[in-house]
C-alpha atoms as a PDB file:
ATOM      1  CA  MET A   1      15.531   1.954  33.135  1.00  0.00           C
ATOM      2  CA  ALA A   2      14.648   0.267  30.423  1.00  0.00           C
ATOM      3  CA  ALA A   3      14.046   2.434  27.399  1.00  0.00           C
ATOM      4  CA  LEU A   4      10.859   2.600  26.341  1.00  0.00           C
ATOM      5  CA  ALA A   5      10.258   2.561  22.228  1.00  0.00           C
ATOM      6  CA  LEU A   6       6.532   2.457  21.759  1.00  0.00           C
ATOM      7  CA  SER A   7       4.288   0.595  18.912  1.00  0.00           C
ATOM      8  CA  TRP A   8       1.050   1.347  17.879  1.00  0.00           C
ATOM      9  CA  THR A   9      -1.423  -1.386  16.183  1.00  0.00           C
ATOM     10  CA  LEU A  10      -4.383  -1.134  14.815  1.00  0.00           C
ATOM     11  CA  LEU A  11      -7.088  -3.027  13.891  1.00  0.00           C
ATOM     12  CA  LEU A  12      -9.743  -1.716  10.444  1.00  0.00           C
ATOM     13  CA  ALA A  13     -12.703  -3.537   9.639  1.00  0.00           C
ATOM     14  CA  VAL A  14     -12.680  -5.946   6.184  1.00  0.00           C
ATOM     15  CA  LEU A  15     -14.287  -3.922   3.472  1.00  0.00           C
ATOM     16  CA  PRO A  16     -14.835  -5.847   0.631  1.00  0.00           C
ATOM     17  CA  GLN A  17     -14.194  -4.758  -2.825  1.00  0.00           C
ATOM     18  CA  GLY A  18     -16.464  -2.382  -4.624  1.00  0.00           C
ATOM     19  CA  TYR A  19     -18.473  -1.336  -1.255  1.00  0.00           C
ATOM     20  CA  GLY A  20     -21.595  -3.117  -2.022  1.00  0.00           C
ATOM     21  CA  GLY A  21     -23.897  -5.851  -1.952  1.00  0.00           C
ATOM     22  CA  ALA A  22     -20.946  -8.070  -0.097  1.00  0.00           C
ATOM     23  CA  ALA A  23     -20.996  -8.215   3.411  1.00  0.00           C
ATOM     24  CA  ALA A  24     -17.842  -6.608   5.555  1.00  0.00           C
ATOM     25  CA  HIS A  25     -17.080  -7.035   8.835  1.00  0.00           C
ATOM     26  CA  ALA A  26     -16.605  -5.136  11.836  1.00  0.00           C
ATOM     27  CA  ALA A  27     -13.648  -4.349  13.202  1.00  0.00           C
ATOM     28  CA  ASP A  28     -12.763  -6.431  16.353  1.00  0.00           C
ATOM     29  CA  ASN A  29      -9.500  -7.779  18.082  1.00  0.00           C
ATOM     30  CA  GLY A  30     -11.260 -10.283  20.372  1.00  0.00           C
ATOM     31  CA  ASN A  31     -11.495  -7.664  23.757  1.00  0.00           C
ATOM     32  CA  TRP A  32     -13.594  -4.697  22.060  1.00  0.00           C
ATOM     33  CA  SER A  33     -15.405  -4.153  17.990  1.00  0.00           C
ATOM     34  CA  VAL A  34     -16.088  -0.328  17.194  1.00  0.00           C
ATOM     35  CA  TYR A  35     -18.118  -0.323  14.230  1.00  0.00           C
ATOM     36  CA  PRO A  36     -21.628   2.429  12.761  1.00  0.00           C
ATOM     37  CA  ALA A  37     -24.437   2.299  15.260  1.00  0.00           C
ATOM     38  CA  SER A  38     -27.586   0.218  13.634  1.00  0.00           C
ATOM     39  CA  SER A  39     -29.947   2.524  11.234  1.00  0.00           C
ATOM     40  CA  GLU A  40     -33.189   1.869  10.550  1.00  0.00           C
ATOM     41  CA  LEU A  41     -31.935  -0.404   7.204  1.00  0.00           C
ATOM     42  CA  GLY A  42     -29.514  -2.283   9.503  1.00  0.00           C
ATOM     43  CA  ARG A  43     -26.128  -2.912  10.861  1.00  0.00           C
ATOM     44  CA  ARG A  44     -23.714  -0.993   9.064  1.00  0.00           C
ATOM     45  CA  PRO A  45     -20.422  -2.328   9.578  1.00  0.00           C
ATOM     46  CA  TYR A  46     -18.291   0.882   7.952  1.00  0.00           C
ATOM     47  CA  PHE A  47     -19.327   4.607   7.481  1.00  0.00           C
ATOM     48  CA  TYR A  48     -19.738   5.297   3.938  1.00  0.00           C
ATOM     49  CA  LEU A  49     -20.224   9.509   3.668  1.00  0.00           C
ATOM     50  CA  SER A  50     -21.764  12.259   1.058  1.00  0.00           C
ATOM     51  CA  ALA A  51     -21.509  15.645   1.433  1.00  0.00           C
ATOM     52  CA  ASP A  52     -21.367  18.753  -0.247  1.00  0.00           C
ATOM     53  CA  PRO A  53     -18.860  21.221   0.927  1.00  0.00           C
ATOM     54  CA  GLY A  54     -19.278  23.826   3.511  1.00  0.00           C
ATOM     55  CA  THR A  55     -22.408  20.879   5.207  1.00  0.00           C
ATOM     56  CA  THR A  56     -22.290  19.221   8.140  1.00  0.00           C
ATOM     57  CA  LEU A  57     -22.854  15.662   8.722  1.00  0.00           C
ATOM     58  CA  THR A  58     -23.997  13.853  12.749  1.00  0.00           C
ATOM     59  CA  ASP A  59     -23.659   9.921  12.696  1.00  0.00           C
ATOM     60  CA  GLN A  60     -22.710   7.225  15.920  1.00  0.00           C
ATOM     61  CA  VAL A  61     -20.287   4.919  16.311  1.00  0.00           C
ATOM     62  CA  THR A  62     -20.675   2.387  18.874  1.00  0.00           C
ATOM     63  CA  VAL A  63     -18.034   0.739  20.992  1.00  0.00           C
ATOM     64  CA  SER A  64     -18.245  -3.024  22.398  1.00  0.00           C
ATOM     65  CA  ASN A  65     -16.432  -4.477  25.622  1.00  0.00           C
ATOM     66  CA  LYS A  66     -16.783  -7.942  25.273  1.00  0.00           C
ATOM     67  CA  THR A  67     -14.109  -8.859  28.643  1.00  0.00           C
ATOM     68  CA  ALA A  68     -14.827  -9.178  31.438  1.00  0.00           C
ATOM     69  CA  ALA A  69     -14.293  -5.157  33.474  1.00  0.00           C
ATOM     70  CA  PRO A  70     -14.146  -2.301  32.557  1.00  0.00           C
ATOM     71  CA  LEU A  71     -12.452  -0.582  29.384  1.00  0.00           C
ATOM     72  CA  THR A  72     -11.604   2.912  29.049  1.00  0.00           C
ATOM     73  CA  PHE A  73     -10.296   4.279  25.609  1.00  0.00           C
ATOM     74  CA  ARG A  74      -9.864   7.727  23.738  1.00  0.00           C
ATOM     75  CA  LEU A  75     -12.404   8.475  20.496  1.00  0.00           C
ATOM     76  CA  TYR A  76     -10.525  10.279  17.406  1.00  0.00           C
ATOM     77  CA  ALA A  77     -10.910  11.073  13.984  1.00  0.00           C
ATOM     78  CA  ALA A  78      -7.962  10.218  11.506  1.00  0.00           C
ATOM     79  CA  ASP A  79      -7.168  10.467   7.650  1.00  0.00           C
ATOM     80  CA  ALA A  80      -6.281   6.887   6.442  1.00  0.00           C
ATOM     81  CA  TYR A  81      -3.390   5.711   3.667  1.00  0.00           C
ATOM     82  CA  ASN A  82      -1.999   2.892   2.181  1.00  0.00           C
ATOM     83  CA  THR A  83       1.540   1.185   4.036  1.00  0.00           C
ATOM     84  CA  GLU A  84       4.005   1.026   1.931  1.00  0.00           C
ATOM     85  CA  ARG A  85       5.082  -2.291   3.188  1.00  0.00           C
ATOM     86  CA  ASP A  86       1.878  -3.588   1.271  1.00  0.00           C
ATOM     87  CA  GLY A  87      -0.612  -0.493   0.710  1.00  0.00           C
ATOM     88  CA  GLY A  88      -3.036  -1.947   3.026  1.00  0.00           C
ATOM     89  CA  PHE A  89      -5.269   0.016   4.257  1.00  0.00           C
ATOM     90  CA  ALA A  90      -4.046   1.974   7.465  1.00  0.00           C
ATOM     91  CA  VAL A  91      -5.163   5.553   9.386  1.00  0.00           C
ATOM     92  CA  ARG A  92      -3.113   8.028  11.408  1.00  0.00           C
ATOM     93  CA  THR A  93      -1.967   8.688  14.912  1.00  0.00           C
ATOM     94  CA  ARG A  94      -3.013  10.844  17.064  1.00  0.00           C
ATOM     95  CA  GLN A  95       0.008  12.098  17.455  1.00  0.00           C
ATOM     96  CA  GLU A  96       0.196  13.098  12.928  1.00  0.00           C
ATOM     97  CA  GLN A  97      -1.083  15.738  11.399  1.00  0.00           C
ATOM     98  CA  GLN A  98      -4.901  15.076  10.248  1.00  0.00           C
ATOM     99  CA  ARG A  99      -6.053  16.951   6.823  1.00  0.00           C
ATOM    100  CA  GLY A 100      -9.305  15.119   6.228  1.00  0.00           C
ATOM    101  CA  VAL A 101     -11.861  12.991   7.950  1.00  0.00           C
ATOM    102  CA  GLY A 102      -9.459  13.336  10.783  1.00  0.00           C
ATOM    103  CA  ALA A 103      -9.595  17.178  10.959  1.00  0.00           C
ATOM    104  CA  TRP A 104     -13.313  16.981  10.454  1.00  0.00           C
ATOM    105  CA  ALA A 105     -15.024  14.446  12.438  1.00  0.00           C
ATOM    106  CA  LYS A 106     -15.544  15.174  16.427  1.00  0.00           C
ATOM    107  CA  PRO A 107     -17.060  12.311  18.620  1.00  0.00           C
ATOM    108  CA  ASP A 108     -19.234  13.956  21.528  1.00  0.00           C
ATOM    109  CA  ARG A 109     -17.092  12.328  24.044  1.00  0.00           C
ATOM    110  CA  ASP A 110     -13.260  11.812  23.714  1.00  0.00           C
ATOM    111  CA  LYS A 111     -12.798   9.693  26.254  1.00  0.00           C
ATOM    112  CA  VAL A 112     -15.474   7.363  26.636  1.00  0.00           C
ATOM    113  CA  THR A 113     -15.108   3.524  29.804  1.00  0.00           C
ATOM    114  CA  VAL A 114     -17.742   0.993  28.537  1.00  0.00           C
ATOM    115  CA  PRO A 115     -18.679  -1.256  31.289  1.00  0.00           C
ATOM    116  CA  PRO A 116     -17.948  -5.002  30.951  1.00  0.00           C
ATOM    117  CA  HIS A 117     -19.617  -7.072  28.040  1.00  0.00           C
ATOM    118  CA  ARG A 118     -21.512  -3.928  27.503  1.00  0.00           C
ATOM    119  CA  SER A 119     -21.719  -1.525  24.635  1.00  0.00           C
ATOM    120  CA  ILE A 120     -21.603   1.990  23.831  1.00  0.00           C
ATOM    121  CA  THR A 121     -22.656   4.367  21.336  1.00  0.00           C
ATOM    122  CA  VAL A 122     -21.181   7.899  20.728  1.00  0.00           C
ATOM    123  CA  PRO A 123     -22.724  11.247  18.605  1.00  0.00           C
ATOM    124  CA  TYR A 124     -19.870  12.625  16.073  1.00  0.00           C
ATOM    125  CA  THR A 125     -20.063  15.548  14.002  1.00  0.00           C
ATOM    126  CA  LEU A 126     -18.627  15.516  10.125  1.00  0.00           C
ATOM    127  CA  THR A 127     -17.587  18.887   8.718  1.00  0.00           C
ATOM    128  CA  VAL A 128     -16.854  19.812   5.258  1.00  0.00           C
ATOM    129  CA  PRO A 129     -15.162  22.816   4.839  1.00  0.00           C
ATOM    130  CA  GLU A 130     -15.780  25.179   2.150  1.00  0.00           C
ATOM    131  CA  GLY A 131     -13.175  24.822   0.631  1.00  0.00           C
ATOM    132  CA  ALA A 132     -12.642  20.444   0.530  1.00  0.00           C
ATOM    133  CA  GLU A 133     -11.524  19.336  -2.570  1.00  0.00           C
ATOM    134  CA  PRO A 134     -14.299  16.811  -4.144  1.00  0.00           C
ATOM    135  CA  GLY A 135     -13.916  13.730  -4.442  1.00  0.00           C
ATOM    136  CA  ASP A 136     -12.992  10.424  -1.926  1.00  0.00           C
ATOM    137  CA  HIS A 137     -11.838  11.015   1.607  1.00  0.00           C
ATOM    138  CA  PRO A 138     -11.071   7.644   3.584  1.00  0.00           C
ATOM    139  CA  GLY A 139     -11.047   7.666   7.257  1.00  0.00           C
ATOM    140  CA  ALA A 140     -11.895   5.996  10.240  1.00  0.00           C
ATOM    141  CA  ILE A 141     -13.961   6.832  13.597  1.00  0.00           C
ATOM    142  CA  VAL A 142     -10.977   5.302  16.282  1.00  0.00           C
ATOM    143  CA  ALA A 143     -11.169   3.564  20.213  1.00  0.00           C
ATOM    144  CA  LEU A 144      -7.549   3.344  21.100  1.00  0.00           C
ATOM    145  CA  ASP A 145      -6.971   1.611  24.679  1.00  0.00           C
ATOM    146  CA  GLU A 146      -4.026   4.580  25.757  1.00  0.00           C
ATOM    147  CA  ARG A 147      -1.601   1.703  28.589  1.00  0.00           C
ATOM    148  CA  ILE A 148       1.293   0.920  27.382  1.00  0.00           C
ATOM    149  CA  ASP A 149       1.615  -3.137  27.765  1.00  0.00           C
ATOM    150  CA  ALA A 150       5.217  -2.364  28.477  1.00  0.00           C
ATOM    151  CA  GLY A 151       7.934  -5.010  28.104  1.00  0.00           C
ATOM    152  CA  SER A 152      11.387  -6.174  28.930  1.00  0.00           C
ATOM    153  CA  GLY A 153      15.013  -6.245  28.305  1.00  0.00           C
ATOM    154  CA  SER A 154      17.003  -3.084  27.693  1.00  0.00           C
ATOM    155  CA  VAL A 155      14.885  -1.968  24.768  1.00  0.00           C
ATOM    156  CA  ALA A 156      11.944  -1.928  26.341  1.00  0.00           C
ATOM    157  CA  VAL A 157       8.537  -2.474  23.829  1.00  0.00           C
ATOM    158  CA  GLY A 158       5.759  -1.001  24.779  1.00  0.00           C
ATOM    159  CA  VAL A 159       2.289  -1.186  22.989  1.00  0.00           C
ATOM    160  CA  GLN A 160      -0.969   0.576  22.883  1.00  0.00           C
ATOM    161  CA  GLN A 161      -3.839  -0.985  20.797  1.00  0.00           C
ATOM    162  CA  ALA A 162      -6.563   1.145  19.099  1.00  0.00           C
ATOM    163  CA  VAL A 163      -9.622  -0.334  16.500  1.00  0.00           C
ATOM    164  CA  GLY A 164     -11.247   1.570  14.577  1.00  0.00           C
ATOM    165  CA  ALA A 165     -14.560   2.076  12.080  1.00  0.00           C
ATOM    166  CA  ARG A 166     -13.812   2.647   8.256  1.00  0.00           C
ATOM    167  CA  VAL A 167     -14.843   6.136   7.337  1.00  0.00           C
ATOM    168  CA  TYR A 168     -15.588   6.729   3.256  1.00  0.00           C
ATOM    169  CA  LEU A 169     -16.926  10.399   2.891  1.00  0.00           C
ATOM    170  CA  ARG A 170     -16.917  11.393  -0.627  1.00  0.00           C
ATOM    171  CA  VAL A 171     -17.557  15.281  -1.191  1.00  0.00           C
ATOM    172  CA  ASN A 172     -19.615  15.672  -3.577  1.00  0.00           C
ATOM    173  CA  GLY A 173     -17.825  17.246  -7.180  1.00  0.00           C
ATOM    174  CA  PRO A 174     -15.883  16.241  -9.769  1.00  0.00           C
ATOM    175  CA  THR A 175     -14.675  13.520  -9.636  1.00  0.00           C
ATOM    176  CA  VAL A 176     -11.284  12.287 -11.385  1.00  0.00           C
ATOM    177  CA  PRO A 177     -10.120   8.944 -11.806  1.00  0.00           C
ATOM    178  CA  ALA A 178      -6.348   8.872 -12.495  1.00  0.00           C
ATOM    179  CA  LEU A 179      -3.632   6.277 -12.171  1.00  0.00           C
ATOM    180  CA  SER A 180      -0.449   5.669 -13.015  1.00  0.00           C
ATOM    181  CA  VAL A 181       2.756   2.370 -13.146  1.00  0.00           C
ATOM    182  CA  GLU A 182       6.226   4.261 -13.103  1.00  0.00           C
ATOM    183  CA  ASP A 183       9.749   3.351 -12.181  1.00  0.00           C
ATOM    184  CA  VAL A 184       9.963   0.004 -12.868  1.00  0.00           C
ATOM    185  CA  GLU A 185      13.255  -1.765 -12.405  1.00  0.00           C
ATOM    186  CA  LEU A 186      14.266  -5.745 -13.125  1.00  0.00           C
ATOM    187  CA  ASP A 187      16.583  -6.901 -10.693  1.00  0.00           C
ATOM    188  CA  HIS A 188      18.023 -10.711 -12.497  1.00  0.00           C
ATOM    189  CA  SER A 189      19.323 -13.186 -10.297  1.00  0.00           C
ATOM    190  CA  LYS A 190      21.235 -16.042 -12.572  1.00  0.00           C
ATOM    191  CA  PRO A 191      23.481 -18.962 -12.353  1.00  0.00           C
ATOM    192  CA  LEU A 192      26.840 -19.355 -12.621  1.00  0.00           C
ATOM    193  CA  VAL A 193      27.332 -21.495 -15.741  1.00  0.00           C
ATOM    194  CA  PRO A 194      24.580 -21.879 -18.468  1.00  0.00           C
ATOM    195  CA  GLY A 195      21.702 -24.423 -17.997  1.00  0.00           C
ATOM    196  CA  THR A 196      22.105 -24.530 -14.589  1.00  0.00           C
ATOM    197  CA  GLY A 197      20.076 -23.561 -11.689  1.00  0.00           C
ATOM    198  CA  GLU A 198      17.404 -21.921 -11.274  1.00  0.00           C
ATOM    199  CA  SER A 199      16.932 -17.818 -12.822  1.00  0.00           C
ATOM    200  CA  SER A 200      14.094 -16.006 -11.493  1.00  0.00           C
ATOM    201  CA  ALA A 201      13.976 -12.402 -11.312  1.00  0.00           C
ATOM    202  CA  LEU A 202      12.378  -9.410  -9.295  1.00  0.00           C
ATOM    203  CA  ILE A 203      10.682  -6.708 -11.230  1.00  0.00           C
ATOM    204  CA  SER A 204      10.167  -3.439  -8.564  1.00  0.00           C
ATOM    205  CA  TYR A 205       7.240  -1.358  -9.232  1.00  0.00           C
ATOM    206  CA  THR A 206       5.345   2.352  -8.648  1.00  0.00           C
ATOM    207  CA  LEU A 207       1.048   2.082  -8.272  1.00  0.00           C
ATOM    208  CA  TYR A 208       0.262   6.120  -8.020  1.00  0.00           C
ATOM    209  CA  ASN A 209      -3.750   7.395  -7.259  1.00  0.00           C
ATOM    210  CA  ARG A 210      -3.117  10.725  -9.535  1.00  0.00           C
ATOM    211  CA  GLY A 211      -6.776  11.033  -9.611  1.00  0.00           C
ATOM    212  CA  ASN A 212      -9.213  11.837  -6.108  1.00  0.00           C
ATOM    213  CA  VAL A 213     -11.321   8.666  -6.440  1.00  0.00           C
ATOM    214  CA  THR A 214     -10.574   5.582  -4.742  1.00  0.00           C
ATOM    215  CA  LEU A 215      -9.376   3.146  -7.098  1.00  0.00           C
ATOM    216  CA  ASN A 216      -9.821  -0.967  -6.977  1.00  0.00           C
ATOM    217  CA  PRO A 217      -6.337  -1.615  -9.236  1.00  0.00           C
ATOM    218  CA  LYS A 218      -6.026  -5.212 -11.543  1.00  0.00           C
ATOM    219  CA  VAL A 219      -1.873  -5.444 -12.367  1.00  0.00           C
ATOM    220  CA  ALA A 220      -1.019  -7.138 -15.876  1.00  0.00           C
ATOM    221  CA  LEU A 221       2.479  -8.697 -16.464  1.00  0.00           C
ATOM    222  CA  THR A 222       4.005  -9.345 -19.344  1.00  0.00           C
ATOM    223  CA  ALA A 223       6.842 -10.192 -20.961  1.00  0.00           C
ATOM    224  CA  GLU A 224       8.370 -10.233 -24.151  1.00  0.00           C
ATOM    225  CA  GLY A 225      11.747 -11.583 -25.597  1.00  0.00           C
ATOM    226  CA  LEU A 226      13.558 -11.045 -28.571  1.00  0.00           C
ATOM    227  CA  PHE A 227      12.033 -11.040 -31.889  1.00  0.00           C
ATOM    228  CA  GLY A 228       8.359 -10.413 -30.026  1.00  0.00           C
ATOM    229  CA  ARG A 229       8.887 -13.754 -28.583  1.00  0.00           C
ATOM    230  CA  ASP A 230       6.095 -13.851 -25.395  1.00  0.00           C
ATOM    231  CA  LEU A 231       7.856 -15.315 -22.586  1.00  0.00           C
ATOM    232  CA  LEU A 232       5.524 -14.498 -19.924  1.00  0.00           C
ATOM    233  CA  ALA A 233       1.350 -13.761 -19.113  1.00  0.00           C
ATOM    234  CA  ARG A 234      -0.232 -13.528 -16.094  1.00  0.00           C
ATOM    235  CA  ASP A 235      -2.361 -11.300 -13.808  1.00  0.00           C
ATOM    236  CA  LEU A 236      -0.790 -10.001 -10.107  1.00  0.00           C
ATOM    237  CA  THR A 237      -2.786 -11.094  -7.096  1.00  0.00           C
ATOM    238  CA  LYS A 238      -0.354  -8.986  -4.581  1.00  0.00           C
ATOM    239  CA  VAL A 239      -2.008  -5.870  -5.914  1.00  0.00           C
ATOM    240  CA  PRO A 240      -4.052  -3.903  -2.440  1.00  0.00           C
ATOM    241  CA  SER A 241      -7.628  -3.704  -3.049  1.00  0.00           C
ATOM    242  CA  GLU A 242      -7.644  -0.276  -2.575  1.00  0.00           C
ATOM    243  CA  LEU A 243      -5.302   2.685  -3.907  1.00  0.00           C
ATOM    244  CA  LEU A 244      -6.675   5.692  -1.619  1.00  0.00           C
ATOM    245  CA  PRO A 245      -6.082   8.958  -3.873  1.00  0.00           C
ATOM    246  CA  ARG A 246      -2.969  10.816  -3.735  1.00  0.00           C
ATOM    247  CA  GLN A 247      -1.155   7.684  -2.705  1.00  0.00           C
ATOM    248  CA  ARG A 248       2.080   6.234  -3.900  1.00  0.00           C
ATOM    249  CA  ILE A 249       2.944   1.997  -3.593  1.00  0.00           C
ATOM    250  CA  ARG A 250       5.838   0.501  -4.192  1.00  0.00           C
ATOM    251  CA  LEU A 251       5.356  -3.050  -5.341  1.00  0.00           C
ATOM    252  CA  THR A 252       7.190  -5.935  -6.187  1.00  0.00           C
ATOM    253  CA  GLU A 253       6.418  -8.713  -8.253  1.00  0.00           C
ATOM    254  CA  ARG A 254       9.198 -12.210  -8.478  1.00  0.00           C
ATOM    255  CA  TRP A 255       9.449 -13.891 -11.834  1.00  0.00           C
ATOM    256  CA  ALA A 256      10.225 -17.074 -11.115  1.00  0.00           C
ATOM    257  CA  GLY A 257      11.822 -18.847 -14.253  1.00  0.00           C
ATOM    258  CA  ALA A 258      13.358 -16.268 -16.360  1.00  0.00           C
ATOM    259  CA  PRO A 259      14.876 -16.831 -19.493  1.00  0.00           C
ATOM    260  CA  GLN A 260      18.811 -17.003 -18.888  1.00  0.00           C
ATOM    261  CA  LEU A 261      19.238 -15.785 -21.747  1.00  0.00           C
ATOM    262  CA  GLU A 262      17.724 -13.181 -23.268  1.00  0.00           C
ATOM    263  CA  TRP A 263      17.099 -10.065 -24.275  1.00  0.00           C
ATOM    264  CA  GLY A 264      13.191  -9.006 -24.289  1.00  0.00           C
ATOM    265  CA  GLU A 265      10.724  -5.536 -22.226  1.00  0.00           C
ATOM    266  CA  VAL A 266       8.050  -6.943 -19.598  1.00  0.00           C
ATOM    267  CA  ARG A 267       5.488  -4.665 -19.421  1.00  0.00           C
ATOM    268  CA  LEU A 268       2.988  -3.629 -16.033  1.00  0.00           C
ATOM    269  CA  THR A 269      -1.219  -2.858 -16.734  1.00  0.00           C
ATOM    270  CA  ALA A 270      -2.721  -1.469 -14.665  1.00  0.00           C
ATOM    271  CA  THR A 271      -6.580  -0.661 -14.970  1.00  0.00           C
ATOM    272  CA  ALA A 272      -9.118   0.502 -12.551  1.00  0.00           C
ATOM    273  CA  GLN A 273     -11.829   2.590 -12.356  1.00  0.00           C
ATOM    274  CA  ASP A 274     -11.984   4.096 -16.754  1.00  0.00           C
ATOM    275  CA  VAL A 275      -7.805   4.288 -16.227  1.00  0.00           C
ATOM    276  CA  ARG A 276      -5.732   1.480 -18.131  1.00  0.00           C
ATOM    277  CA  GLU A 277      -1.543   2.509 -17.982  1.00  0.00           C
ATOM    278  CA  SER A 278       1.479   0.557 -18.735  1.00  0.00           C
ATOM    279  CA  ALA A 279       5.131   0.792 -18.006  1.00  0.00           C
ATOM    280  CA  THR A 280       7.934  -0.755 -19.861  1.00  0.00           C
ATOM    281  CA  ALA A 281      10.948  -1.863 -18.616  1.00  0.00           C
ATOM    282  CA  SER A 282      13.748  -3.240 -20.940  1.00  0.00           C
ATOM    283  CA  PHE A 283      16.348  -6.086 -19.274  1.00  0.00           C
ATOM    284  CA  PHE A 284      19.247  -8.079 -20.920  1.00  0.00           C
ATOM    285  CA  ALA A 285      19.713 -11.450 -19.398  1.00  0.00           C
ATOM    286  CA  LEU A 286      23.454 -12.544 -19.339  1.00  0.00           C
ATOM    287  CA  PRO A 287      24.921 -15.712 -17.423  1.00  0.00           C
ATOM    288  CA  TRP A 288      27.639 -14.528 -15.749  1.00  0.00           C
ATOM    289  CA  LEU A 289      30.154 -17.672 -16.954  1.00  0.00           C
ATOM    290  CA  VAL A 290      29.029 -15.767 -20.061  1.00  0.00           C
ATOM    291  CA  ALA A 291      29.674 -12.391 -18.872  1.00  0.00           C
ATOM    292  CA  ALA A 292      32.654 -12.784 -17.628  1.00  0.00           C
ATOM    293  CA  VAL A 293      33.905 -14.708 -20.871  1.00  0.00           C
ATOM    294  CA  LEU A 294      32.821 -11.942 -22.805  1.00  0.00           C
ATOM    295  CA  LEU A 295      34.009  -9.514 -20.650  1.00  0.00           C
ATOM    296  CA  ALA A 296      37.275 -11.281 -20.809  1.00  0.00           C
ATOM    297  CA  ALA A 297      37.523 -11.685 -24.603  1.00  0.00           C
ATOM    298  CA  LEU A 298      36.805  -7.482 -25.006  1.00  0.00           C
ATOM    299  CA  VAL A 299      40.010  -6.892 -22.700  1.00  0.00           C
ATOM    300  CA  GLY A 300      41.951  -8.825 -24.485  1.00  0.00           C
ATOM    301  CA  THR A 301      40.976  -7.813 -27.670  1.00  0.00           C
ATOM    302  CA  GLY A 302      41.293  -4.204 -26.814  1.00  0.00           C
ATOM    303  CA  VAL A 303      45.000  -5.618 -25.136  1.00  0.00           C
ATOM    304  CA  TRP A 304      46.039  -7.065 -28.181  1.00  0.00           C
ATOM    305  CA  ALA A 305      45.215  -4.075 -30.288  1.00  0.00           C
ATOM    306  CA  LYS A 306      47.215  -1.819 -28.332  1.00  0.00           C
ATOM    307  CA  ALA A 307      49.843  -3.561 -28.384  1.00  0.00           C
ATOM    308  CA  ARG A 308      49.435  -3.661 -32.610  1.00  0.00           C
ATOM    309  CA  ARG A 309      48.988  -0.321 -32.272  1.00  0.00           C
ATOM    310  CA  ARG A 310      52.285  -0.030 -30.462  1.00  0.00           C
ATOM    311  CA  ARG A 311      54.375  -2.093 -32.730  1.00  0.00           C
ATOM    312  CA  GLU A 312      53.886  -0.698 -35.649  1.00  0.00           C
ATOM    313  CA  ARG A 313      54.022   2.466 -34.269  1.00  0.00           C
ATOM    314  CA  VAL A 314      57.377   1.336 -33.087  1.00  0.00           C
ATOM    315  CA  LEU A 315      58.292  -0.182 -36.859  1.00  0.00           C
ATOM    316  CA  ARG A 316      56.890   3.484 -37.944  1.00  0.00           C
ATOM    317  CA  ASP A 317      59.937   5.392 -36.179  1.00  0.00           C
ATOM    318  CA  ALA A 318      62.537   2.762 -36.983  1.00  0.00           C
END
C-alpha cells in the first residue's frame, strides 16, 4: 500500500489594507464559500469584533455550497499567523495548539451538511478570557472538507481543502505598535572580470512585529557607496500587507545592477502605525579576478617577506 502524505490547503477572504471602506470578498474556492452572516448593515466580508476581557460575543457564520451535490464540513475556529514563505495570512490546522480566537470561539455545530446550491448559517460564541492580552487576536472560522483526495504513485499525496472567514478580534485595553528590522544580510553575485556580465545582490532581512496590534508595514531600501554616494533608493513591493502581532518573517529583495567595485552600506527602513525603524548592513563589492590578484599579491608579499627574514637570519648567523 502506498504511503499517504497529507497536504492541507486553505483559502481565506482577501482583505484590503486598512479595513475600512474598500470592498472585500468572501472566501471562495469555487465549490463553497464561508462568510459572516448578513446583518442589518448588509453583507460583511469578514468578522471585525472588539470585546473586553471576560466578555462573550455571539455571531453567525454562513457556509454556501455551490455544487450540485451535498457537502459535509467540519467547522472550527483557528488562530492566524504570517507564513514563512511570503508573510501571507494563514491559520492553524485543527491539530495545532490554539491560543486566541481558535481557543475562544466555538461554533454551535462542529459538523454541517449543506444541500446543493444552498447555504446554512451557524451561530458561534466567542468568550474572551479574563486575563486575555489587550490588542489584536486574528483568526478565522473554517469550514474543512474532511474528504481526502488521494493521488497515485509510491508516495500518494492526499489533499484536504478548507475555506475560512477571517476574524479580526481586538481585546480592549492599551495598544502598543512596535516594529523592528533585524538581521540584514547582503549576498553579492559578482562577475569574474570587472566590467563584464551583470552584478546583483540578494538582500535578506527580518521584519518583526513586537507589538500587540496588526501593522500594515512599508519598507524602503537605500544604499550608499564610498563618500556617501547614492546608489539605490526604492520602496519594496514584496512586503505583506498585514504583519500580525508577535509575528516574525524573513524577506528577500534582489538588487539588480549592484556595483561590482564598491564599499558602502544598505539601509532598510520600515514604517507603520506611529512606528519607524531602520537597520543597516555594510558591504564590500570586489570582482573575483581583482580579489584573486589582490590575494596573490598578498600571498607573494608574505612569501617574499618570509624569505627576506630567513636570508637576514642566515647572514647574521654566518
